[in-house]
């Protein structure tokens, strides 16, 4: 792995501390220690799940790309998986902030943006890995 990939992996691993804290917050929300309505509970649960899964997927993709020696456009676009790990959870959490929201606010579009970036990232990684395997 390159120096920048190694540093990125270290930073991403440190975000797991934040995800773990989010898990303790989620437990308080679900046990009704922290006030939240049904919409907030479901969005907080989805945000936490997406954060954890996408961080792990992003690290796996980054490692696979490094081991296969994929560089250039495919390697750059594959980082979209890690960007999705920021965008999607942010959309879930930030779109239901406030006291007793009835529906998600405009920040819910971060979820869709994250989904698009995720598809581009995973697709680019897949194509890049196949191309590296053929070459």
N, C-alpha and C. Protein backbone atom coordinates (compact mmCIF):
# COMPACT_ATOMS: atom_id res chain seq x y z
N UNK A 1 0.85 -1.18 0.00
CA UNK A 1 0.00 0.00 0.00
C UNK A 1 0.89 1.24 0.00
N UNK A 2 0.40 2.27 -0.64
CA UNK A 2 1.14 3.52 -0.67
C UNK A 2 1.03 4.22 0.68
N UNK A 3 1.84 5.24 0.86
CA UNK A 3 1.80 6.01 2.11
C UNK A 3 0.42 6.64 2.31
N UNK A 4 -0.14 7.21 1.25
CA UNK A 4 -1.45 7.86 1.39
C UNK A 4 -2.54 6.83 1.69
N UNK A 5 -2.45 5.65 1.09
CA UNK A 5 -3.44 4.61 1.39
C UNK A 5 -3.32 4.14 2.84
N UNK A 6 -2.10 4.01 3.31
CA UNK A 6 -1.88 3.59 4.69
C UNK A 6 -2.44 4.61 5.68
N UNK A 7 -2.20 5.88 5.41
CA UNK A 7 -2.72 6.95 6.28
C UNK A 7 -4.25 6.97 6.23
N UNK A 8 -4.80 6.85 5.01
CA UNK A 8 -6.26 6.83 4.87
C UNK A 8 -6.85 5.67 5.65
N UNK A 9 -6.25 4.49 5.55
CA UNK A 9 -6.74 3.33 6.29
C UNK A 9 -6.70 3.59 7.80
N UNK A 10 -5.63 4.21 8.28
CA UNK A 10 -5.54 4.53 9.70
C UNK A 10 -6.62 5.49 10.15
N UNK A 11 -6.86 6.52 9.36
CA UNK A 11 -7.91 7.50 9.69
C UNK A 11 -9.27 6.82 9.69
N UNK A 12 -9.52 5.99 8.69
CA UNK A 12 -10.80 5.30 8.60
C UNK A 12 -10.99 4.37 9.80
N UNK A 13 -9.94 3.67 10.19
CA UNK A 13 -10.05 2.81 11.37
C UNK A 13 -10.40 3.63 12.62
N UNK A 14 -9.87 4.83 12.73
CA UNK A 14 -10.19 5.67 13.88
C UNK A 14 -11.66 6.10 13.89
N UNK A 15 -12.29 6.16 12.71
CA UNK A 15 -13.72 6.51 12.67
C UNK A 15 -14.57 5.44 13.33
N UNK A 16 -14.04 4.23 13.44
CA UNK A 16 -14.80 3.16 14.10
C UNK A 16 -15.09 3.53 15.55
N UNK A 17 -14.23 4.33 16.16
CA UNK A 17 -14.50 4.81 17.53
C UNK A 17 -15.79 5.63 17.54
N UNK A 18 -15.94 6.50 16.55
CA UNK A 18 -17.16 7.29 16.43
C UNK A 18 -18.38 6.42 16.16
N UNK A 19 -18.20 5.40 15.34
CA UNK A 19 -19.31 4.48 15.05
C UNK A 19 -19.70 3.72 16.31
N UNK A 20 -18.72 3.33 17.10
CA UNK A 20 -19.00 2.64 18.37
C UNK A 20 -19.77 3.56 19.32
N UNK A 21 -19.35 4.83 19.39
CA UNK A 21 -20.09 5.78 20.22
C UNK A 21 -21.52 5.93 19.70
N UNK A 22 -21.66 5.96 18.38
CA UNK A 22 -22.99 6.02 17.78
C UNK A 22 -23.84 4.83 18.18
N UNK A 23 -23.20 3.68 18.33
CA UNK A 23 -23.92 2.49 18.77
C UNK A 23 -24.46 2.64 20.18
N UNK A 24 -23.68 3.25 21.05
CA UNK A 24 -24.16 3.47 22.42
C UNK A 24 -25.30 4.49 22.43
N UNK A 25 -25.20 5.50 21.56
CA UNK A 25 -26.29 6.47 21.43
C UNK A 25 -27.55 5.77 20.92
N UNK A 26 -27.37 4.90 19.91
CA UNK A 26 -28.50 4.19 19.34
C UNK A 26 -29.18 3.31 20.39
N UNK A 27 -28.40 2.66 21.23
CA UNK A 27 -28.99 1.86 22.31
C UNK A 27 -29.83 2.72 23.26
N UNK A 28 -29.34 3.92 23.55
CA UNK A 28 -30.11 4.82 24.42
C UNK A 28 -31.40 5.28 23.73
N UNK A 29 -31.32 5.51 22.43
CA UNK A 29 -32.52 5.91 21.68
C UNK A 29 -33.52 4.76 21.66
N UNK A 30 -33.04 3.56 21.36
CA UNK A 30 -33.95 2.42 21.24
C UNK A 30 -34.53 1.99 22.59
N UNK A 31 -33.80 2.25 23.67
CA UNK A 31 -34.33 1.93 25.00
C UNK A 31 -35.17 3.09 25.55
N UNK A 32 -35.31 4.11 24.73
CA UNK A 32 -36.14 5.29 25.03
C UNK A 32 -35.59 6.12 26.18
N UNK A 33 -34.29 6.01 26.44
CA UNK A 33 -33.63 6.88 27.41
C UNK A 33 -33.45 8.27 26.81
N UNK A 34 -33.20 8.30 25.50
CA UNK A 34 -33.10 9.56 24.75
C UNK A 34 -34.39 9.70 23.96
N UNK A 35 -35.07 10.84 24.07
CA UNK A 35 -36.34 11.00 23.35
C UNK A 35 -36.14 11.05 21.84
N UNK A 36 -36.93 10.26 21.14
CA UNK A 36 -36.92 10.24 19.67
C UNK A 36 -38.22 9.62 19.20
N UNK A 37 -38.72 10.09 18.07
CA UNK A 37 -39.94 9.51 17.54
C UNK A 37 -39.60 8.30 16.65
N UNK A 38 -40.61 7.65 16.12
CA UNK A 38 -40.39 6.43 15.32
C UNK A 38 -39.54 6.72 14.08
N UNK A 39 -39.78 7.85 13.44
CA UNK A 39 -38.99 8.22 12.26
C UNK A 39 -37.52 8.35 12.63
N UNK A 40 -37.25 9.06 13.69
CA UNK A 40 -35.86 9.24 14.12
C UNK A 40 -35.22 7.91 14.50
N UNK A 41 -35.95 7.07 15.21
CA UNK A 41 -35.38 5.77 15.59
C UNK A 41 -35.00 4.96 14.36
N UNK A 42 -35.87 4.92 13.37
CA UNK A 42 -35.57 4.12 12.18
C UNK A 42 -34.42 4.73 11.38
N UNK A 43 -34.37 6.04 11.27
CA UNK A 43 -33.28 6.68 10.52
C UNK A 43 -31.95 6.57 11.27
N UNK A 44 -31.98 6.70 12.58
CA UNK A 44 -30.74 6.54 13.36
C UNK A 44 -30.21 5.11 13.22
N UNK A 45 -31.11 4.14 13.25
CA UNK A 45 -30.70 2.74 13.10
C UNK A 45 -30.08 2.52 11.72
N UNK A 46 -30.71 3.05 10.69
CA UNK A 46 -30.19 2.90 9.33
C UNK A 46 -28.85 3.62 9.16
N UNK A 47 -28.72 4.79 9.74
CA UNK A 47 -27.47 5.54 9.64
C UNK A 47 -26.32 4.81 10.29
N UNK A 48 -26.58 4.24 11.47
CA UNK A 48 -25.53 3.51 12.18
C UNK A 48 -25.11 2.26 11.39
N UNK A 49 -26.08 1.53 10.88
CA UNK A 49 -25.78 0.31 10.12
C UNK A 49 -24.99 0.64 8.86
N UNK A 50 -25.41 1.66 8.13
CA UNK A 50 -24.70 2.03 6.91
C UNK A 50 -23.27 2.48 7.21
N UNK A 51 -23.10 3.22 8.28
CA UNK A 51 -21.75 3.68 8.63
C UNK A 51 -20.82 2.50 8.85
N UNK A 52 -21.24 1.55 9.67
CA UNK A 52 -20.40 0.40 9.97
C UNK A 52 -20.08 -0.45 8.76
N UNK A 53 -21.10 -0.78 8.00
CA UNK A 53 -20.91 -1.65 6.84
C UNK A 53 -20.06 -0.97 5.77
N UNK A 54 -20.33 0.29 5.50
CA UNK A 54 -19.60 0.96 4.41
C UNK A 54 -18.15 1.26 4.77
N UNK A 55 -17.86 1.50 6.03
CA UNK A 55 -16.47 1.69 6.43
C UNK A 55 -15.68 0.40 6.20
N UNK A 56 -16.25 -0.73 6.61
CA UNK A 56 -15.57 -2.01 6.40
C UNK A 56 -15.44 -2.30 4.91
N UNK A 57 -16.51 -2.10 4.15
CA UNK A 57 -16.44 -2.33 2.71
C UNK A 57 -15.40 -1.43 2.07
N UNK A 58 -15.34 -0.18 2.49
CA UNK A 58 -14.36 0.76 1.94
C UNK A 58 -12.93 0.31 2.20
N UNK A 59 -12.67 -0.19 3.40
CA UNK A 59 -11.33 -0.69 3.73
C UNK A 59 -10.99 -1.92 2.90
N UNK A 60 -11.95 -2.82 2.73
CA UNK A 60 -11.71 -4.02 1.92
C UNK A 60 -11.43 -3.64 0.48
N UNK A 61 -12.22 -2.74 -0.08
CA UNK A 61 -12.01 -2.30 -1.46
C UNK A 61 -10.63 -1.65 -1.60
N UNK A 62 -10.28 -0.79 -0.67
CA UNK A 62 -8.98 -0.12 -0.74
C UNK A 62 -7.84 -1.14 -0.70
N UNK A 63 -7.95 -2.13 0.16
CA UNK A 63 -6.92 -3.16 0.27
C UNK A 63 -6.84 -4.00 -1.00
N UNK A 64 -7.99 -4.40 -1.53
CA UNK A 64 -8.00 -5.19 -2.77
C UNK A 64 -7.36 -4.43 -3.92
N UNK A 65 -7.69 -3.16 -4.02
CA UNK A 65 -7.14 -2.35 -5.11
C UNK A 65 -5.62 -2.22 -4.96
N UNK A 66 -5.14 -2.06 -3.74
CA UNK A 66 -3.70 -1.93 -3.50
C UNK A 66 -2.98 -3.23 -3.81
N UNK A 67 -3.53 -4.34 -3.34
CA UNK A 67 -2.90 -5.65 -3.56
C UNK A 67 -2.84 -5.99 -5.04
N UNK A 68 -3.91 -5.65 -5.77
CA UNK A 68 -3.95 -5.94 -7.21
C UNK A 68 -3.14 -4.94 -8.02
N UNK A 69 -2.71 -3.86 -7.39
CA UNK A 69 -1.91 -2.86 -8.10
C UNK A 69 -2.71 -1.99 -9.05
N UNK A 70 -4.00 -1.84 -8.77
CA UNK A 70 -4.85 -1.01 -9.63
C UNK A 70 -4.55 0.46 -9.33
N UNK A 71 -4.29 1.22 -10.37
CA UNK A 71 -4.00 2.66 -10.23
C UNK A 71 -4.87 3.44 -11.21
N UNK A 72 -4.72 4.73 -11.19
CA UNK A 72 -5.42 5.57 -12.16
C UNK A 72 -6.87 5.81 -11.81
N UNK A 73 -7.67 5.97 -12.85
CA UNK A 73 -9.07 6.36 -12.69
C UNK A 73 -9.87 5.36 -11.86
N UNK A 74 -9.69 4.07 -12.12
CA UNK A 74 -10.45 3.08 -11.36
C UNK A 74 -10.11 3.14 -9.87
N UNK A 75 -8.85 3.32 -9.54
CA UNK A 75 -8.44 3.42 -8.13
C UNK A 75 -9.04 4.67 -7.49
N UNK A 76 -9.01 5.76 -8.22
CA UNK A 76 -9.56 7.02 -7.69
C UNK A 76 -11.06 6.90 -7.46
N UNK A 77 -11.77 6.38 -8.45
CA UNK A 77 -13.22 6.26 -8.32
C UNK A 77 -13.63 5.25 -7.26
N UNK A 78 -12.80 4.25 -7.03
CA UNK A 78 -13.13 3.24 -6.01
C UNK A 78 -13.19 3.85 -4.61
N UNK A 79 -12.53 4.97 -4.41
CA UNK A 79 -12.58 5.65 -3.11
C UNK A 79 -13.99 6.18 -2.82
N UNK A 80 -14.85 6.16 -3.82
CA UNK A 80 -16.23 6.54 -3.62
C UNK A 80 -16.92 5.72 -2.55
N UNK A 81 -16.44 4.49 -2.34
CA UNK A 81 -17.04 3.65 -1.29
C UNK A 81 -16.85 4.33 0.07
N UNK A 82 -15.67 4.86 0.31
CA UNK A 82 -15.44 5.56 1.58
C UNK A 82 -16.22 6.87 1.66
N UNK A 83 -16.37 7.55 0.53
CA UNK A 83 -17.19 8.77 0.53
C UNK A 83 -18.64 8.43 0.83
N UNK A 84 -19.11 7.29 0.32
CA UNK A 84 -20.48 6.86 0.62
C UNK A 84 -20.65 6.58 2.11
N UNK A 85 -19.57 6.12 2.75
CA UNK A 85 -19.61 5.87 4.20
C UNK A 85 -19.78 7.15 5.00
N UNK A 86 -19.53 8.27 4.37
CA UNK A 86 -19.76 9.57 5.01
C UNK A 86 -21.14 10.11 4.62
N UNK A 87 -21.42 10.10 3.33
CA UNK A 87 -22.64 10.73 2.82
C UNK A 87 -23.92 10.05 3.29
N UNK A 88 -23.98 8.73 3.17
CA UNK A 88 -25.23 8.04 3.50
C UNK A 88 -25.60 8.16 4.98
N UNK A 89 -24.69 7.84 5.90
CA UNK A 89 -25.06 8.02 7.31
C UNK A 89 -25.38 9.48 7.65
N UNK A 90 -24.64 10.41 7.07
CA UNK A 90 -24.93 11.83 7.32
C UNK A 90 -26.35 12.15 6.89
N UNK A 91 -26.76 11.63 5.75
CA UNK A 91 -28.13 11.85 5.28
C UNK A 91 -29.17 11.28 6.23
N UNK A 92 -28.91 10.07 6.72
CA UNK A 92 -29.86 9.47 7.66
C UNK A 92 -29.94 10.26 8.96
N UNK A 93 -28.80 10.65 9.50
CA UNK A 93 -28.80 11.35 10.79
C UNK A 93 -29.29 12.79 10.67
N UNK A 94 -28.76 13.52 9.72
CA UNK A 94 -29.05 14.96 9.63
C UNK A 94 -30.44 15.27 9.09
N UNK A 95 -31.06 14.32 8.39
CA UNK A 95 -32.37 14.60 7.82
C UNK A 95 -33.51 14.49 8.83
N UNK A 96 -33.19 14.01 10.04
CA UNK A 96 -34.25 13.90 11.04
C UNK A 96 -33.89 14.60 12.36
N UNK A 97 -32.96 15.56 12.29
CA UNK A 97 -32.62 16.31 13.50
C UNK A 97 -33.78 17.21 13.90
N UNK A 98 -33.80 17.57 15.15
CA UNK A 98 -34.85 18.47 15.63
C UNK A 98 -35.81 17.74 16.55
N UNK A 99 -36.77 18.49 17.00
CA UNK A 99 -37.73 17.95 17.95
C UNK A 99 -38.93 17.38 17.20
N UNK A 100 -39.10 16.08 17.26
CA UNK A 100 -40.26 15.36 16.72
C UNK A 100 -40.56 15.68 15.25
N UNK A 101 -39.60 15.47 14.34
CA UNK A 101 -39.87 15.73 12.93
C UNK A 101 -40.91 14.74 12.38
N UNK A 102 -41.76 15.24 11.49
CA UNK A 102 -42.78 14.38 10.89
C UNK A 102 -42.27 13.70 9.63
N UNK A 103 -41.31 14.34 8.97
CA UNK A 103 -40.73 13.75 7.76
C UNK A 103 -39.28 14.22 7.65
N UNK A 104 -38.47 13.49 6.88
CA UNK A 104 -37.06 13.89 6.72
C UNK A 104 -36.95 15.23 6.00
N UNK A 105 -35.94 16.02 6.36
CA UNK A 105 -35.72 17.30 5.68
C UNK A 105 -34.92 17.09 4.39
N UNK A 106 -34.53 18.17 3.76
CA UNK A 106 -33.84 18.12 2.48
C UNK A 106 -32.49 17.42 2.50
N UNK A 107 -31.91 17.28 3.68
CA UNK A 107 -30.61 16.59 3.76
C UNK A 107 -30.73 15.10 3.48
N UNK A 108 -31.97 14.61 3.32
CA UNK A 108 -32.16 13.20 2.96
C UNK A 108 -31.56 12.90 1.59
N UNK A 109 -31.36 13.93 0.78
CA UNK A 109 -30.77 13.70 -0.54
C UNK A 109 -29.31 13.27 -0.45
N UNK A 110 -28.69 13.47 0.70
CA UNK A 110 -27.34 12.93 0.91
C UNK A 110 -27.35 11.41 0.83
N UNK A 111 -28.46 10.79 1.22
CA UNK A 111 -28.57 9.33 1.15
C UNK A 111 -28.49 8.89 -0.31
N UNK A 112 -29.23 9.57 -1.18
CA UNK A 112 -29.22 9.23 -2.60
C UNK A 112 -27.86 9.53 -3.24
N UNK A 113 -27.27 10.65 -2.86
CA UNK A 113 -25.93 10.98 -3.37
C UNK A 113 -24.93 9.92 -2.94
N UNK A 114 -25.02 9.50 -1.69
CA UNK A 114 -24.14 8.44 -1.21
C UNK A 114 -24.35 7.13 -1.94
N UNK A 115 -25.59 6.82 -2.24
CA UNK A 115 -25.89 5.61 -3.01
C UNK A 115 -25.28 5.65 -4.40
N UNK A 116 -25.37 6.80 -5.04
CA UNK A 116 -24.78 6.97 -6.37
C UNK A 116 -23.27 6.83 -6.31
N UNK A 117 -22.65 7.49 -5.34
CA UNK A 117 -21.20 7.43 -5.19
C UNK A 117 -20.77 5.99 -4.86
N UNK A 118 -21.58 5.29 -4.08
CA UNK A 118 -21.28 3.89 -3.74
C UNK A 118 -21.29 3.01 -4.99
N UNK A 119 -22.30 3.17 -5.83
CA UNK A 119 -22.39 2.38 -7.05
C UNK A 119 -21.20 2.65 -7.96
N UNK A 120 -20.84 3.92 -8.13
CA UNK A 120 -19.68 4.27 -8.95
C UNK A 120 -18.41 3.67 -8.35
N UNK A 121 -18.26 3.77 -7.04
CA UNK A 121 -17.06 3.26 -6.37
C UNK A 121 -16.92 1.76 -6.48
N UNK A 122 -17.99 1.03 -6.18
CA UNK A 122 -17.94 -0.43 -6.24
C UNK A 122 -17.80 -0.90 -7.69
N UNK A 123 -18.51 -0.25 -8.59
CA UNK A 123 -18.40 -0.62 -10.01
C UNK A 123 -17.00 -0.40 -10.54
N UNK A 124 -16.41 0.73 -10.20
CA UNK A 124 -15.04 1.03 -10.65
C UNK A 124 -14.05 0.04 -10.05
N UNK A 125 -14.24 -0.29 -8.80
CA UNK A 125 -13.35 -1.26 -8.16
C UNK A 125 -13.46 -2.62 -8.84
N UNK A 126 -14.67 -3.04 -9.10
CA UNK A 126 -14.87 -4.32 -9.76
C UNK A 126 -14.24 -4.37 -11.14
N UNK A 127 -14.47 -3.33 -11.94
CA UNK A 127 -13.89 -3.27 -13.28
C UNK A 127 -12.37 -3.19 -13.20
N UNK A 128 -11.86 -2.37 -12.29
CA UNK A 128 -10.41 -2.25 -12.13
C UNK A 128 -9.76 -3.56 -11.73
N UNK A 129 -10.40 -4.29 -10.83
CA UNK A 129 -9.85 -5.58 -10.40
C UNK A 129 -9.89 -6.62 -11.52
N UNK A 130 -10.98 -6.64 -12.27
CA UNK A 130 -11.07 -7.56 -13.41
C UNK A 130 -10.00 -7.23 -14.44
N UNK A 131 -9.86 -5.94 -14.74
CA UNK A 131 -8.84 -5.52 -15.72
C UNK A 131 -7.44 -5.89 -15.23
N UNK A 132 -7.18 -5.72 -13.94
CA UNK A 132 -5.86 -6.08 -13.39
C UNK A 132 -5.63 -7.58 -13.47
N UNK A 133 -6.69 -8.36 -13.30
CA UNK A 133 -6.57 -9.81 -13.38
C UNK A 133 -6.33 -10.31 -14.79
N UNK A 134 -6.88 -9.61 -15.77
CA UNK A 134 -6.71 -9.99 -17.17
C UNK A 134 -5.34 -9.61 -17.67
N UNK A 135 -4.84 -8.46 -17.22
CA UNK A 135 -3.56 -7.93 -17.73
C UNK A 135 -2.37 -8.77 -17.32
